[in-house]
């Protein structure tokens, strides 16, 4: 199984993202069913490890929290733009949750991610375009902001590569504690 841990976005938040998905030639835009906020990419694991991952994630205790998506940007690789994304504002509670997930997965033997965590929602993958074009896209949507939404759960997803792109399936959901909402009442 190819797995990752993510926050499934509410439909009303996806509604704010879909108008951003266009206007860059050659971009492979994510459809609504692919929009999520990754907490940890895991990769290919066998069934025994998948059960261990599920057990670790089930035991994570953290409060629910509010989140707002804000601004757009892009990631470079070898001086070419490769990913267009929507960012996250005020992400302290999100980073705490990410840290707990990282720690739990390390305890069962998964290596930590090598890259620094940069919370975002991938909007498009690119075959490598000039950064100037990606900068134009980011500038066009620099004022983007979603309404705040409550994150009350996170999910373990499987990813199956198909001809039309990746198909994501929720394998398990893990509730966060609404009684201890991290960002207010």
C-alpha atoms as a PDB file:
ATOM      1  CA  UNK A   1       0.000   0.000   0.000  1.00  0.00           C
ATOM      2  CA  UNK A   2       1.122   3.546  -0.720  1.00  0.00           C
ATOM      3  CA  UNK A   3       0.056   5.684   2.257  1.00  0.00           C
ATOM      4  CA  UNK A   4       0.026   9.255   3.483  1.00  0.00           C
ATOM      5  CA  UNK A   5      -1.505  11.114   6.437  1.00  0.00           C
ATOM      6  CA  UNK A   6      -3.543  14.220   5.638  1.00  0.00           C
ATOM      7  CA  UNK A   7      -6.396  16.505   6.532  1.00  0.00           C
ATOM      8  CA  UNK A   8      -9.397  16.104   4.240  1.00  0.00           C
ATOM      9  CA  UNK A   9     -10.692  19.557   3.343  1.00  0.00           C
ATOM     10  CA  UNK A  10     -14.363  20.493   3.785  1.00  0.00           C
ATOM     11  CA  UNK A  11     -16.298  21.048   0.549  1.00  0.00           C
ATOM     12  CA  UNK A  12     -16.740  24.753   1.333  1.00  0.00           C
ATOM     13  CA  UNK A  13     -12.934  25.127   1.439  1.00  0.00           C
ATOM     14  CA  UNK A  14     -12.501  23.159  -1.780  1.00  0.00           C
ATOM     15  CA  UNK A  15     -15.004  25.596  -3.318  1.00  0.00           C
ATOM     16  CA  UNK A  16     -12.543  28.432  -2.604  1.00  0.00           C
ATOM     17  CA  UNK A  17      -9.631  26.517  -4.137  1.00  0.00           C
ATOM     18  CA  UNK A  18     -11.133  25.310  -7.420  1.00  0.00           C
ATOM     19  CA  UNK A  19     -11.242  28.823  -8.981  1.00  0.00           C
ATOM     20  CA  UNK A  20      -7.457  28.960  -8.495  1.00  0.00           C
ATOM     21  CA  UNK A  21      -6.960  25.843 -10.607  1.00  0.00           C
ATOM     22  CA  UNK A  22      -6.277  27.188 -14.066  1.00  0.00           C
ATOM     23  CA  UNK A  23      -4.350  29.663 -16.119  1.00  0.00           C
ATOM     24  CA  UNK A  24      -0.942  27.975 -16.298  1.00  0.00           C
ATOM     25  CA  UNK A  25      -0.140  26.091 -19.499  1.00  0.00           C
ATOM     26  CA  UNK A  26       0.981  22.517 -18.983  1.00  0.00           C
ATOM     27  CA  UNK A  27      -0.120  22.359 -15.342  1.00  0.00           C
ATOM     28  CA  UNK A  28      -1.725  19.134 -14.147  1.00  0.00           C
ATOM     29  CA  UNK A  29      -4.414  20.564 -11.878  1.00  0.00           C
ATOM     30  CA  UNK A  30      -5.760  18.537  -8.953  1.00  0.00           C
ATOM     31  CA  UNK A  31      -9.449  17.764  -9.030  1.00  0.00           C
ATOM     32  CA  UNK A  32     -11.641  18.295  -5.963  1.00  0.00           C
ATOM     33  CA  UNK A  33     -11.170  14.722  -4.776  1.00  0.00           C
ATOM     34  CA  UNK A  34      -7.400  15.172  -4.674  1.00  0.00           C
ATOM     35  CA  UNK A  35      -7.304  18.384  -2.628  1.00  0.00           C
ATOM     36  CA  UNK A  36      -5.996  17.760   0.887  1.00  0.00           C
ATOM     37  CA  UNK A  37      -3.402  19.059   3.333  1.00  0.00           C
ATOM     38  CA  UNK A  38      -0.641  16.491   3.793  1.00  0.00           C
ATOM     39  CA  UNK A  39       0.689  15.906   7.284  1.00  0.00           C
ATOM     40  CA  UNK A  40       3.131  13.108   6.413  1.00  0.00           C
ATOM     41  CA  UNK A  41       3.889  11.160   3.258  1.00  0.00           C
ATOM     42  CA  UNK A  42       4.682   7.547   4.149  1.00  0.00           C
ATOM     43  CA  UNK A  43       5.036   5.697   0.851  1.00  0.00           C
ATOM     44  CA  UNK A  44       4.860   1.981   0.122  1.00  0.00           C
ATOM     45  CA  UNK A  45       4.374  -0.300   3.135  1.00  0.00           C
ATOM     46  CA  UNK A  46       3.237  -3.876   3.662  1.00  0.00           C
ATOM     47  CA  UNK A  47       0.061  -4.894   5.487  1.00  0.00           C
ATOM     48  CA  UNK A  48       1.754  -5.433   8.856  1.00  0.00           C
ATOM     49  CA  UNK A  49       3.316  -1.964   8.800  1.00  0.00           C
ATOM     50  CA  UNK A  50       0.002  -0.438   7.664  1.00  0.00           C
ATOM     51  CA  UNK A  51      -1.654  -1.930  10.766  1.00  0.00           C
ATOM     52  CA  UNK A  52       1.131  -0.568  12.988  1.00  0.00           C
ATOM     53  CA  UNK A  53       0.708   2.886  11.400  1.00  0.00           C
ATOM     54  CA  UNK A  54      -3.050   2.766  12.005  1.00  0.00           C
ATOM     55  CA  UNK A  55      -2.462   1.797  15.643  1.00  0.00           C
ATOM     56  CA  UNK A  56       0.011   4.654  16.219  1.00  0.00           C
ATOM     57  CA  UNK A  57      -2.244   7.237  14.571  1.00  0.00           C
ATOM     58  CA  UNK A  58      -5.260   6.036  16.560  1.00  0.00           C
ATOM     59  CA  UNK A  59      -3.386   6.746  19.823  1.00  0.00           C
ATOM     60  CA  UNK A  60      -2.449  10.344  18.965  1.00  0.00           C
ATOM     61  CA  UNK A  61      -4.211  12.760  21.303  1.00  0.00           C
ATOM     62  CA  UNK A  62      -4.450  16.374  20.185  1.00  0.00           C
ATOM     63  CA  UNK A  63      -7.024  19.152  20.326  1.00  0.00           C
ATOM     64  CA  UNK A  64      -9.101  20.222  17.365  1.00  0.00           C
ATOM     65  CA  UNK A  65      -7.984  23.547  15.906  1.00  0.00           C
ATOM     66  CA  UNK A  66      -8.959  26.261  13.451  1.00  0.00           C
ATOM     67  CA  UNK A  67      -7.084  26.698  10.208  1.00  0.00           C
ATOM     68  CA  UNK A  68      -7.118  29.204   7.372  1.00  0.00           C
ATOM     69  CA  UNK A  69      -5.571  28.688   3.955  1.00  0.00           C
ATOM     70  CA  UNK A  70      -3.848  31.836   2.718  1.00  0.00           C
ATOM     71  CA  UNK A  71      -1.859  32.910  -0.373  1.00  0.00           C
ATOM     72  CA  UNK A  72      -0.405  30.819  -3.159  1.00  0.00           C
ATOM     73  CA  UNK A  73       3.127  29.918  -4.111  1.00  0.00           C
ATOM     74  CA  UNK A  74       5.290  27.356  -5.819  1.00  0.00           C
ATOM     75  CA  UNK A  75       8.150  24.951  -5.162  1.00  0.00           C
ATOM     76  CA  UNK A  76      11.258  24.927  -7.315  1.00  0.00           C
ATOM     77  CA  UNK A  77      13.399  21.968  -8.190  1.00  0.00           C
ATOM     78  CA  UNK A  78      16.550  22.397 -10.275  1.00  0.00           C
ATOM     79  CA  UNK A  79      15.621  26.032 -10.973  1.00  0.00           C
ATOM     80  CA  UNK A  80      12.237  25.100 -12.465  1.00  0.00           C
ATOM     81  CA  UNK A  81       8.808  25.452 -10.864  1.00  0.00           C
ATOM     82  CA  UNK A  82       7.342  21.997 -10.125  1.00  0.00           C
ATOM     83  CA  UNK A  83       4.336  22.512  -7.794  1.00  0.00           C
ATOM     84  CA  UNK A  84       1.738  25.271  -7.347  1.00  0.00           C
ATOM     85  CA  UNK A  85       0.200  25.412  -3.871  1.00  0.00           C
ATOM     86  CA  UNK A  86      -2.066  27.214  -1.424  1.00  0.00           C
ATOM     87  CA  UNK A  87      -0.441  27.943   1.925  1.00  0.00           C
ATOM     88  CA  UNK A  88      -1.568  27.816   5.547  1.00  0.00           C
ATOM     89  CA  UNK A  89      -1.840  30.686   8.021  1.00  0.00           C
ATOM     90  CA  UNK A  90      -1.266  30.483  11.795  1.00  0.00           C
ATOM     91  CA  UNK A  91      -0.233  26.854  11.677  1.00  0.00           C
ATOM     92  CA  UNK A  92       1.171  26.302  15.207  1.00  0.00           C
ATOM     93  CA  UNK A  93      -1.471  23.689  16.134  1.00  0.00           C
ATOM     94  CA  UNK A  94      -1.020  22.003  12.761  1.00  0.00           C
ATOM     95  CA  UNK A  95       2.739  21.795  13.311  1.00  0.00           C
ATOM     96  CA  UNK A  96       2.196  20.272  16.774  1.00  0.00           C
ATOM     97  CA  UNK A  97      -0.031  17.606  15.238  1.00  0.00           C
ATOM     98  CA  UNK A  98       2.564  17.000  12.515  1.00  0.00           C
ATOM     99  CA  UNK A  99       5.240  16.587  15.196  1.00  0.00           C
ATOM    100  CA  UNK A 100       3.183  14.016  17.092  1.00  0.00           C
ATOM    101  CA  UNK A 101       2.603  12.059  13.884  1.00  0.00           C
ATOM    102  CA  UNK A 102       6.304  12.234  12.980  1.00  0.00           C
ATOM    103  CA  UNK A 103       7.309  11.011  16.434  1.00  0.00           C
ATOM    104  CA  UNK A 104       4.778   8.166  16.472  1.00  0.00           C
ATOM    105  CA  UNK A 105       5.866   6.926  13.052  1.00  0.00           C
ATOM    106  CA  UNK A 106       9.545   7.062  14.026  1.00  0.00           C
ATOM    107  CA  UNK A 107       8.813   4.937  17.111  1.00  0.00           C
ATOM    108  CA  UNK A 108       7.563   2.126  14.865  1.00  0.00           C
ATOM    109  CA  UNK A 109      10.607   2.344  12.617  1.00  0.00           C
ATOM    110  CA  UNK A 110       9.714   4.757   9.821  1.00  0.00           C
ATOM    111  CA  UNK A 111      12.485   7.183   8.960  1.00  0.00           C
ATOM    112  CA  UNK A 112      11.669  10.877   9.457  1.00  0.00           C
ATOM    113  CA  UNK A 113      11.015  12.969   6.395  1.00  0.00           C
ATOM    114  CA  UNK A 114      14.188  14.548   5.063  1.00  0.00           C
ATOM    115  CA  UNK A 115      12.541  17.774   3.925  1.00  0.00           C
ATOM    116  CA  UNK A 116      11.392  20.486   6.308  1.00  0.00           C
ATOM    117  CA  UNK A 117       7.613  20.476   6.745  1.00  0.00           C
ATOM    118  CA  UNK A 118       5.948  23.195   4.664  1.00  0.00           C
ATOM    119  CA  UNK A 119       2.160  22.864   5.117  1.00  0.00           C
ATOM    120  CA  UNK A 120       0.298  23.425   1.866  1.00  0.00           C
ATOM    121  CA  UNK A 121      -2.429  22.150  -0.427  1.00  0.00           C
ATOM    122  CA  UNK A 122      -1.043  21.069  -3.801  1.00  0.00           C
ATOM    123  CA  UNK A 123      -3.078  22.688  -6.562  1.00  0.00           C
ATOM    124  CA  UNK A 124      -1.053  21.564  -9.595  1.00  0.00           C
ATOM    125  CA  UNK A 125       2.027  19.627 -10.599  1.00  0.00           C
ATOM    126  CA  UNK A 126       4.208  21.081 -13.301  1.00  0.00           C
ATOM    127  CA  UNK A 127       6.634  19.490 -15.728  1.00  0.00           C
ATOM    128  CA  UNK A 128       8.990  22.330 -14.932  1.00  0.00           C
ATOM    129  CA  UNK A 129       8.178  25.840 -16.021  1.00  0.00           C
ATOM    130  CA  UNK A 130      10.166  29.025 -15.714  1.00  0.00           C
ATOM    131  CA  UNK A 131       9.893  30.490 -12.219  1.00  0.00           C
ATOM    132  CA  UNK A 132       8.743  33.753 -13.780  1.00  0.00           C
ATOM    133  CA  UNK A 133       5.489  32.123 -14.954  1.00  0.00           C
ATOM    134  CA  UNK A 134       4.951  30.542 -11.515  1.00  0.00           C
ATOM    135  CA  UNK A 135       5.665  33.909  -9.883  1.00  0.00           C
ATOM    136  CA  UNK A 136       2.939  35.435 -12.063  1.00  0.00           C
ATOM    137  CA  UNK A 137       0.483  32.783 -10.889  1.00  0.00           C
ATOM    138  CA  UNK A 138       1.429  33.344  -7.225  1.00  0.00           C
ATOM    139  CA  UNK A 139       1.101  37.119  -7.615  1.00  0.00           C
ATOM    140  CA  UNK A 140      -2.313  36.773  -9.279  1.00  0.00           C
ATOM    141  CA  UNK A 141      -3.661  34.889  -6.241  1.00  0.00           C
ATOM    142  CA  UNK A 142      -1.540  36.489  -3.515  1.00  0.00           C
ATOM    143  CA  UNK A 143      -4.670  37.782  -1.748  1.00  0.00           C
ATOM    144  CA  UNK A 144      -6.333  34.350  -1.606  1.00  0.00           C
ATOM    145  CA  UNK A 145      -7.702  33.415   1.818  1.00  0.00           C
ATOM    146  CA  UNK A 146     -10.171  30.702   2.744  1.00  0.00           C
ATOM    147  CA  UNK A 147     -12.649  31.179   5.556  1.00  0.00           C
ATOM    148  CA  UNK A 148     -11.400  29.609   8.793  1.00  0.00           C
ATOM    149  CA  UNK A 149     -12.431  26.006   9.320  1.00  0.00           C
ATOM    150  CA  UNK A 150     -12.182  23.592  12.227  1.00  0.00           C
ATOM    151  CA  UNK A 151      -9.885  20.619  11.843  1.00  0.00           C
ATOM    152  CA  UNK A 152     -11.513  17.959  13.996  1.00  0.00           C
ATOM    153  CA  UNK A 153      -9.886  14.890  12.425  1.00  0.00           C
ATOM    154  CA  UNK A 154      -7.069  13.681  10.249  1.00  0.00           C
ATOM    155  CA  UNK A 155      -6.967  10.683   7.939  1.00  0.00           C
ATOM    156  CA  UNK A 156      -4.787   7.873   6.677  1.00  0.00           C
ATOM    157  CA  UNK A 157      -5.106   7.780   2.893  1.00  0.00           C
ATOM    158  CA  UNK A 158      -3.997   5.210   0.366  1.00  0.00           C
ATOM    159  CA  UNK A 159      -2.935   6.334  -3.079  1.00  0.00           C
ATOM    160  CA  UNK A 160      -3.422   4.264  -6.205  1.00  0.00           C
ATOM    161  CA  UNK A 161      -1.848   5.482  -9.424  1.00  0.00           C
ATOM    162  CA  UNK A 162      -4.242   5.206 -12.345  1.00  0.00           C
ATOM    163  CA  UNK A 163      -4.164   6.399 -15.935  1.00  0.00           C
ATOM    164  CA  UNK A 164      -6.183   9.529 -15.064  1.00  0.00           C
ATOM    165  CA  UNK A 165      -3.961  10.332 -12.057  1.00  0.00           C
ATOM    166  CA  UNK A 166      -3.770   9.366  -8.411  1.00  0.00           C
ATOM    167  CA  UNK A 167      -6.898   8.058  -6.723  1.00  0.00           C
ATOM    168  CA  UNK A 168      -7.001   8.706  -2.976  1.00  0.00           C
ATOM    169  CA  UNK A 169      -8.992   6.549  -0.572  1.00  0.00           C
ATOM    170  CA  UNK A 170      -9.561   7.252   3.129  1.00  0.00           C
ATOM    171  CA  UNK A 171      -8.425   4.135   4.960  1.00  0.00           C
ATOM    172  CA  UNK A 172      -9.010   5.436   8.523  1.00  0.00           C
ATOM    173  CA  UNK A 173     -10.055   8.636  10.291  1.00  0.00           C
ATOM    174  CA  UNK A 174      -8.710   9.830  13.644  1.00  0.00           C
ATOM    175  CA  UNK A 175     -10.744  12.283  15.703  1.00  0.00           C
ATOM    176  CA  UNK A 176      -9.195  15.252  17.440  1.00  0.00           C
ATOM    177  CA  UNK A 177     -10.502  16.442  20.802  1.00  0.00           C
ATOM    178  CA  UNK A 178     -13.213  19.059  20.245  1.00  0.00           C
ATOM    179  CA  UNK A 179     -13.422  19.651  24.018  1.00  0.00           C
ATOM    180  CA  UNK A 180      -9.897  21.056  23.914  1.00  0.00           C
ATOM    181  CA  UNK A 181     -10.192  23.235  20.797  1.00  0.00           C
ATOM    182  CA  UNK A 182      -6.719  24.766  20.390  1.00  0.00           C
ATOM    183  CA  UNK A 183      -7.685  28.131  18.880  1.00  0.00           C
ATOM    184  CA  UNK A 184     -10.600  29.341  20.927  1.00  0.00           C
ATOM    185  CA  UNK A 185     -13.953  28.222  22.289  1.00  0.00           C
END
